Amino acid sequence: MAEGKKTVKVKGGFRSMLALLISIIALIVAVIAYNRTGGDMDIKTQLNELQGTIEKMKGETSKGFSKFRVETSKALDKLSKMIKGKETAQ
């Protein structure tokens, strides 16, 4: 009876188990990294944070534009006075 049975040798048994073990470890590391970066934060929380940042940037931008507008106005006034002064001198 032993003569009729063939033993089948599984090729790559150790390598496939090793690959499975490495992939499971990589999956665990990926889940930990995802959770550390705030992956489990609520979407609404992230949205509120982004809206706050956008509002802050809007305020800074409007202040910058106001300053630019005032400086441009002063420069144009100065330039017009210089031009008018030259016209009256002639």
N, C-alpha and C. Protein backbone atom coordinates (compact mmCIF):
# COMPACT_ATOMS: atom_id res chain seq x y z
N MET A 1 0.80 -1.19 0.00
CA MET A 1 0.00 0.00 0.00
C MET A 1 0.85 1.26 0.00
N ALA A 2 1.94 1.19 0.65
CA ALA A 2 2.80 2.36 0.71
C ALA A 2 3.38 2.67 -0.66
N GLU A 3 3.43 1.64 -1.51
CA GLU A 3 3.99 1.86 -2.83
C GLU A 3 3.06 2.68 -3.71
N GLY A 4 1.77 2.60 -3.53
CA GLY A 4 0.81 3.31 -4.37
C GLY A 4 0.66 4.79 -4.02
N LYS A 5 1.02 5.14 -2.82
CA LYS A 5 0.86 6.54 -2.40
C LYS A 5 2.09 7.34 -2.80
N LYS A 6 1.81 8.50 -3.33
CA LYS A 6 2.89 9.39 -3.70
C LYS A 6 2.95 10.52 -2.68
N THR A 7 4.12 10.86 -2.28
CA THR A 7 4.26 12.00 -1.37
C THR A 7 4.48 13.24 -2.23
N VAL A 8 3.74 14.28 -1.90
CA VAL A 8 3.84 15.52 -2.65
C VAL A 8 4.61 16.52 -1.79
N LYS A 9 5.65 17.03 -2.38
CA LYS A 9 6.45 18.02 -1.67
C LYS A 9 5.97 19.40 -2.11
N VAL A 10 5.62 20.23 -1.13
CA VAL A 10 5.14 21.57 -1.41
C VAL A 10 6.35 22.47 -1.63
N LYS A 11 6.39 23.06 -2.79
CA LYS A 11 7.51 23.94 -3.10
C LYS A 11 7.19 25.35 -2.62
N GLY A 12 8.20 25.99 -2.06
CA GLY A 12 8.03 27.37 -1.62
C GLY A 12 7.22 27.50 -0.35
N GLY A 13 7.08 26.47 0.41
CA GLY A 13 6.30 26.52 1.64
C GLY A 13 6.85 27.52 2.64
N PHE A 14 8.15 27.48 2.86
CA PHE A 14 8.78 28.41 3.80
C PHE A 14 8.74 29.84 3.26
N ARG A 15 9.02 29.98 1.97
CA ARG A 15 9.04 31.31 1.37
C ARG A 15 7.65 31.94 1.38
N SER A 16 6.63 31.17 1.10
CA SER A 16 5.28 31.73 1.09
C SER A 16 4.84 32.12 2.49
N MET A 17 5.21 31.32 3.49
CA MET A 17 4.88 31.67 4.88
C MET A 17 5.63 32.94 5.30
N LEU A 18 6.88 33.05 4.88
CA LEU A 18 7.67 34.23 5.20
C LEU A 18 7.07 35.47 4.54
N ALA A 19 6.66 35.34 3.29
CA ALA A 19 6.05 36.46 2.58
C ALA A 19 4.73 36.87 3.24
N LEU A 20 3.96 35.90 3.69
CA LEU A 20 2.70 36.18 4.38
C LEU A 20 2.97 36.91 5.69
N LEU A 21 3.96 36.46 6.43
CA LEU A 21 4.31 37.09 7.70
C LEU A 21 4.78 38.53 7.49
N ILE A 22 5.61 38.75 6.49
CA ILE A 22 6.10 40.11 6.20
C ILE A 22 4.95 41.01 5.77
N SER A 23 4.03 40.51 4.97
CA SER A 23 2.90 41.33 4.53
C SER A 23 1.98 41.68 5.69
N ILE A 24 1.80 40.78 6.63
CA ILE A 24 0.97 41.07 7.81
C ILE A 24 1.64 42.14 8.67
N ILE A 25 2.95 42.03 8.85
CA ILE A 25 3.68 43.04 9.62
C ILE A 25 3.58 44.40 8.93
N ALA A 26 3.71 44.42 7.60
CA ALA A 26 3.61 45.67 6.85
C ALA A 26 2.21 46.27 6.99
N LEU A 27 1.20 45.45 7.00
CA LEU A 27 -0.17 45.92 7.17
C LEU A 27 -0.35 46.55 8.55
N ILE A 28 0.20 45.93 9.57
CA ILE A 28 0.10 46.47 10.93
C ILE A 28 0.81 47.81 11.02
N VAL A 29 2.00 47.90 10.43
CA VAL A 29 2.75 49.16 10.44
C VAL A 29 1.97 50.25 9.70
N ALA A 30 1.34 49.90 8.59
CA ALA A 30 0.56 50.88 7.82
C ALA A 30 -0.63 51.39 8.62
N VAL A 31 -1.30 50.51 9.33
CA VAL A 31 -2.45 50.92 10.15
C VAL A 31 -1.99 51.85 11.27
N ILE A 32 -0.87 51.53 11.90
CA ILE A 32 -0.34 52.39 12.97
C ILE A 32 0.02 53.76 12.41
N ALA A 33 0.67 53.80 11.26
CA ALA A 33 1.05 55.08 10.65
C ALA A 33 -0.19 55.89 10.27
N TYR A 34 -1.20 55.23 9.77
CA TYR A 34 -2.45 55.91 9.39
C TYR A 34 -3.10 56.55 10.61
N ASN A 35 -3.14 55.82 11.70
CA ASN A 35 -3.75 56.35 12.92
C ASN A 35 -2.92 57.48 13.52
N ARG A 36 -1.60 57.41 13.40
CA ARG A 36 -0.74 58.47 13.94
C ARG A 36 -0.91 59.78 13.18
N THR A 37 -1.17 59.71 11.90
CA THR A 37 -1.30 60.93 11.10
C THR A 37 -2.70 61.51 11.17
N GLY A 38 -3.53 60.98 12.01
CA GLY A 38 -4.87 61.52 12.17
C GLY A 38 -5.85 60.93 11.19
N GLY A 39 -5.59 59.77 10.72
CA GLY A 39 -6.47 59.12 9.76
C GLY A 39 -7.83 58.80 10.33
N ASP A 40 -7.91 58.67 11.64
CA ASP A 40 -9.19 58.34 12.25
C ASP A 40 -9.95 59.57 12.72
N MET A 41 -9.45 60.76 12.37
CA MET A 41 -10.16 61.98 12.74
C MET A 41 -11.46 62.08 11.96
N ASP A 42 -12.40 62.72 12.56
CA ASP A 42 -13.68 62.91 11.90
C ASP A 42 -13.52 63.89 10.74
N ILE A 43 -14.22 63.64 9.67
CA ILE A 43 -14.13 64.50 8.48
C ILE A 43 -14.58 65.92 8.82
N LYS A 44 -15.61 66.04 9.64
CA LYS A 44 -16.10 67.38 9.99
C LYS A 44 -15.05 68.16 10.77
N THR A 45 -14.30 67.48 11.61
CA THR A 45 -13.24 68.14 12.37
C THR A 45 -12.18 68.67 11.41
N GLN A 46 -11.79 67.87 10.46
CA GLN A 46 -10.80 68.30 9.48
C GLN A 46 -11.34 69.48 8.66
N LEU A 47 -12.61 69.41 8.29
CA LEU A 47 -13.23 70.48 7.51
C LEU A 47 -13.25 71.78 8.30
N ASN A 48 -13.60 71.70 9.58
CA ASN A 48 -13.62 72.90 10.42
C ASN A 48 -12.22 73.50 10.57
N GLU A 49 -11.22 72.66 10.71
CA GLU A 49 -9.84 73.15 10.81
C GLU A 49 -9.43 73.87 9.53
N LEU A 50 -9.77 73.29 8.39
CA LEU A 50 -9.43 73.90 7.11
C LEU A 50 -10.17 75.22 6.90
N GLN A 51 -11.43 75.27 7.32
CA GLN A 51 -12.19 76.51 7.18
C GLN A 51 -11.59 77.61 8.04
N GLY A 52 -11.14 77.26 9.24
CA GLY A 52 -10.48 78.24 10.10
C GLY A 52 -9.21 78.77 9.46
N THR A 53 -8.45 77.87 8.86
CA THR A 53 -7.21 78.28 8.19
C THR A 53 -7.52 79.20 7.00
N ILE A 54 -8.55 78.88 6.26
CA ILE A 54 -8.93 79.70 5.10
C ILE A 54 -9.36 81.09 5.55
N GLU A 55 -10.15 81.16 6.63
CA GLU A 55 -10.59 82.47 7.14
C GLU A 55 -9.40 83.31 7.59
N LYS A 56 -8.43 82.66 8.24
CA LYS A 56 -7.23 83.37 8.68
C LYS A 56 -6.46 83.91 7.48
N MET A 57 -6.33 83.09 6.44
CA MET A 57 -5.62 83.52 5.24
C MET A 57 -6.36 84.65 4.53
N LYS A 58 -7.70 84.62 4.55
CA LYS A 58 -8.48 85.70 3.94
C LYS A 58 -8.19 87.02 4.65
N GLY A 59 -8.16 86.97 5.98
CA GLY A 59 -7.88 88.18 6.75
C GLY A 59 -6.51 88.74 6.45
N GLU A 60 -5.52 87.86 6.40
CA GLU A 60 -4.16 88.31 6.10
C GLU A 60 -4.06 88.89 4.69
N THR A 61 -4.75 88.27 3.75
CA THR A 61 -4.73 88.74 2.37
C THR A 61 -5.40 90.10 2.24
N SER A 62 -6.53 90.28 2.92
CA SER A 62 -7.22 91.57 2.83
C SER A 62 -6.38 92.67 3.48
N LYS A 63 -5.67 92.36 4.56
CA LYS A 63 -4.78 93.35 5.18
C LYS A 63 -3.67 93.73 4.20
N GLY A 64 -3.12 92.73 3.53
CA GLY A 64 -2.05 92.99 2.56
C GLY A 64 -2.54 93.84 1.40
N PHE A 65 -3.75 93.55 0.90
CA PHE A 65 -4.30 94.34 -0.19
C PHE A 65 -4.59 95.77 0.25
N SER A 66 -5.08 95.94 1.47
CA SER A 66 -5.35 97.29 1.98
C SER A 66 -4.05 98.09 2.06
N LYS A 67 -3.02 97.48 2.58
CA LYS A 67 -1.72 98.15 2.68
C LYS A 67 -1.20 98.51 1.29
N PHE A 68 -1.31 97.58 0.36
CA PHE A 68 -0.86 97.82 -1.01
C PHE A 68 -1.65 98.96 -1.65
N ARG A 69 -2.96 98.99 -1.41
CA ARG A 69 -3.81 100.03 -1.97
C ARG A 69 -3.41 101.41 -1.43
N VAL A 70 -3.16 101.49 -0.12
CA VAL A 70 -2.76 102.76 0.48
C VAL A 70 -1.42 103.22 -0.07
N GLU A 71 -0.46 102.31 -0.16
CA GLU A 71 0.86 102.67 -0.68
C GLU A 71 0.79 103.11 -2.14
N THR A 72 -0.02 102.42 -2.92
CA THR A 72 -0.18 102.80 -4.33
C THR A 72 -0.83 104.18 -4.44
N SER A 73 -1.81 104.43 -3.60
CA SER A 73 -2.48 105.73 -3.60
C SER A 73 -1.50 106.85 -3.26
N LYS A 74 -0.68 106.63 -2.25
CA LYS A 74 0.32 107.64 -1.87
C LYS A 74 1.31 107.88 -3.01
N ALA A 75 1.75 106.81 -3.64
CA ALA A 75 2.71 106.94 -4.74
C ALA A 75 2.10 107.70 -5.91
N LEU A 76 0.83 107.43 -6.23
CA LEU A 76 0.17 108.14 -7.33
C LEU A 76 -0.04 109.61 -6.98
N ASP A 77 -0.39 109.90 -5.74
CA ASP A 77 -0.54 111.30 -5.32
C ASP A 77 0.79 112.04 -5.45
N LYS A 78 1.84 111.41 -4.99
CA LYS A 78 3.17 112.01 -5.05
C LYS A 78 3.58 112.26 -6.51
N LEU A 79 3.31 111.27 -7.35
CA LEU A 79 3.65 111.40 -8.77
C LEU A 79 2.85 112.51 -9.43
N SER A 80 1.56 112.59 -9.11
CA SER A 80 0.74 113.65 -9.72
C SER A 80 1.18 115.03 -9.25
N LYS A 81 1.59 115.16 -8.00
CA LYS A 81 2.09 116.45 -7.51
C LYS A 81 3.39 116.83 -8.22
N MET A 82 4.25 115.84 -8.45
CA MET A 82 5.50 116.11 -9.17
C MET A 82 5.21 116.57 -10.59
N ILE A 83 4.26 115.91 -11.25
CA ILE A 83 3.93 116.26 -12.63
C ILE A 83 3.31 117.65 -12.68
N LYS A 84 2.40 117.94 -11.75
CA LYS A 84 1.77 119.26 -11.71
C LYS A 84 2.79 120.34 -11.40
N GLY A 85 3.76 120.04 -10.55
CA GLY A 85 4.81 121.00 -10.23
C GLY A 85 5.66 121.31 -11.45
N LYS A 86 5.93 120.32 -12.28
CA LYS A 86 6.71 120.54 -13.50
C LYS A 86 5.92 121.37 -14.50
N GLU A 87 4.61 121.14 -14.58
CA GLU A 87 3.78 121.87 -15.54
C GLU A 87 3.70 123.34 -15.15
N THR A 88 3.58 123.62 -13.87
CA THR A 88 3.47 125.02 -13.45
C THR A 88 4.81 125.73 -13.56
N ALA A 89 5.91 125.00 -13.46
CA ALA A 89 7.24 125.61 -13.56
C ALA A 89 7.53 126.02 -14.99
N GLN A 90 6.92 125.39 -15.95
CA GLN A 90 7.20 125.70 -17.35
C GLN A 90 6.43 126.89 -17.70
